[in-house]
C-alpha atoms as a PDB file:
ATOM      1  CA  MET A   1      69.268 -24.659 -39.606  1.00  0.00           C
ATOM      2  CA  LYS A   2      66.149 -26.326 -40.519  1.00  0.00           C
ATOM      3  CA  THR A   3      64.246 -25.650 -37.289  1.00  0.00           C
ATOM      4  CA  ASN A   4      64.935 -22.042 -37.399  1.00  0.00           C
ATOM      5  CA  LYS A   5      63.480 -21.643 -40.913  1.00  0.00           C
ATOM      6  CA  TYR A   6      60.586 -23.535 -39.717  1.00  0.00           C
ATOM      7  CA  VAL A   7      59.977 -21.130 -36.746  1.00  0.00           C
ATOM      8  CA  GLU A   8      60.416 -18.241 -39.176  1.00  0.00           C
ATOM      9  CA  GLU A   9      57.723 -19.634 -41.443  1.00  0.00           C
ATOM     10  CA  LEU A  10      55.398 -20.039 -38.164  1.00  0.00           C
ATOM     11  CA  ASN A  11      56.017 -16.501 -37.297  1.00  0.00           C
ATOM     12  CA  ALA A  12      54.862 -15.316 -40.741  1.00  0.00           C
ATOM     13  CA  LYS A  13      51.520 -17.182 -40.561  1.00  0.00           C
ATOM     14  CA  THR A  14      48.324 -15.891 -39.236  1.00  0.00           C
ATOM     15  CA  ALA A  15      46.525 -17.084 -36.088  1.00  0.00           C
ATOM     16  CA  ALA A  16      44.116 -19.030 -38.110  1.00  0.00           C
ATOM     17  CA  GLU A  17      46.638 -20.613 -40.157  1.00  0.00           C
ATOM     18  CA  LEU A  18      48.603 -21.573 -36.812  1.00  0.00           C
ATOM     19  CA  ASN A  19      45.491 -23.255 -35.598  1.00  0.00           C
ATOM     20  CA  GLU A  20      45.020 -25.250 -38.865  1.00  0.00           C
ATOM     21  CA  GLU A  21      48.628 -26.299 -38.736  1.00  0.00           C
ATOM     22  CA  LEU A  22      48.280 -27.372 -35.066  1.00  0.00           C
ATOM     23  CA  VAL A  23      45.229 -29.357 -35.782  1.00  0.00           C
ATOM     24  CA  ALA A  24      47.002 -31.054 -38.678  1.00  0.00           C
ATOM     25  CA  ALA A  25      50.154 -31.819 -36.621  1.00  0.00           C
ATOM     26  CA  LYS A  26      47.940 -33.316 -33.757  1.00  0.00           C
ATOM     27  CA  LYS A  27      46.108 -35.602 -36.276  1.00  0.00           C
ATOM     28  CA  GLU A  28      49.557 -36.753 -37.673  1.00  0.00           C
ATOM     29  CA  LEU A  29      50.631 -37.515 -34.069  1.00  0.00           C
ATOM     30  CA  PHE A  30      47.667 -39.547 -33.325  1.00  0.00           C
ATOM     31  CA  ASN A  31      48.314 -41.436 -36.638  1.00  0.00           C
ATOM     32  CA  LEU A  32      51.773 -42.090 -35.761  1.00  0.00           C
ATOM     33  CA  ARG A  33      51.170 -43.170 -32.233  1.00  0.00           C
ATOM     34  CA  PHE A  34      48.472 -45.736 -33.694  1.00  0.00           C
ATOM     35  CA  GLN A  35      51.005 -47.115 -36.373  1.00  0.00           C
ATOM     36  CA  ASN A  36      53.593 -47.428 -33.517  1.00  0.00           C
ATOM     37  CA  ALA A  37      50.957 -49.271 -31.458  1.00  0.00           C
ATOM     38  CA  THR A  38      50.193 -51.855 -34.248  1.00  0.00           C
ATOM     39  CA  ASN A  39      54.085 -52.253 -35.196  1.00  0.00           C
ATOM     40  CA  GLN A  40      53.604 -50.532 -38.679  1.00  0.00           C
ATOM     41  CA  LEU A  41      55.746 -47.367 -37.893  1.00  0.00           C
ATOM     42  CA  ASP A  42      59.211 -47.670 -39.358  1.00  0.00           C
ATOM     43  CA  ASN A  43      60.697 -44.139 -38.268  1.00  0.00           C
ATOM     44  CA  THR A  44      59.853 -43.864 -34.512  1.00  0.00           C
ATOM     45  CA  SER A  45      61.873 -40.485 -34.366  1.00  0.00           C
ATOM     46  CA  ARG A  46      59.084 -38.979 -36.376  1.00  0.00           C
ATOM     47  CA  ILE A  47      56.944 -39.046 -33.164  1.00  0.00           C
ATOM     48  CA  LYS A  48      59.362 -36.842 -31.149  1.00  0.00           C
ATOM     49  CA  GLU A  49      59.823 -34.502 -34.182  1.00  0.00           C
ATOM     50  CA  VAL A  50      55.900 -33.789 -34.409  1.00  0.00           C
ATOM     51  CA  ARG A  51      55.768 -33.432 -30.644  1.00  0.00           C
ATOM     52  CA  LYS A  52      58.278 -30.664 -30.814  1.00  0.00           C
ATOM     53  CA  ASN A  53      56.657 -29.086 -33.848  1.00  0.00           C
ATOM     54  CA  ILE A  54      53.363 -29.090 -31.939  1.00  0.00           C
ATOM     55  CA  ALA A  55      55.158 -27.288 -28.948  1.00  0.00           C
ATOM     56  CA  ARG A  56      56.656 -24.864 -31.428  1.00  0.00           C
ATOM     57  CA  ILE A  57      53.225 -23.854 -32.902  1.00  0.00           C
ATOM     58  CA  GLN A  58      51.644 -23.541 -29.558  1.00  0.00           C
ATOM     59  CA  THR A  59      54.551 -21.247 -28.387  1.00  0.00           C
ATOM     60  CA  VAL A  60      54.246 -18.965 -31.430  1.00  0.00           C
ATOM     61  CA  ILE A  61      50.447 -18.865 -30.980  1.00  0.00           C
ATOM     62  CA  THR A  62      50.938 -17.753 -27.310  1.00  0.00           C
ATOM     63  CA  ALA A  63      53.352 -15.205 -28.327  1.00  0.00           C
ATOM     64  CA  LYS A  64      51.140 -13.755 -30.824  1.00  0.00           C
ATOM     65  CA  ALA A  65      48.211 -13.608 -28.345  1.00  0.00           C
ATOM     66  CA  LYS A  66      50.430 -11.719 -25.828  1.00  0.00           C
ATOM     67  CA  VAL A  67      51.416  -9.263 -28.446  1.00  0.00           C
ATOM     68  CA  ALA A  68      47.671  -8.698 -29.354  1.00  0.00           C
ATOM     69  CA  ASN A  69      46.827  -7.747 -25.898  1.00  0.00           C
END
């Protein structure tokens, strides 16, 4: 499944790479919300997908932080 592969890729990354990806996903979410507000967004389901990806990234970051302690 697509999401399982994405989570495996996240687990393979370092904390710094995860933070970079988190920042990029948040920027993308901001841009999508801005496009939606100005009626320029065609695929509104992308907002939900990016929000879930942000949650996945944060979950992996938290799990790695707990293992490090």
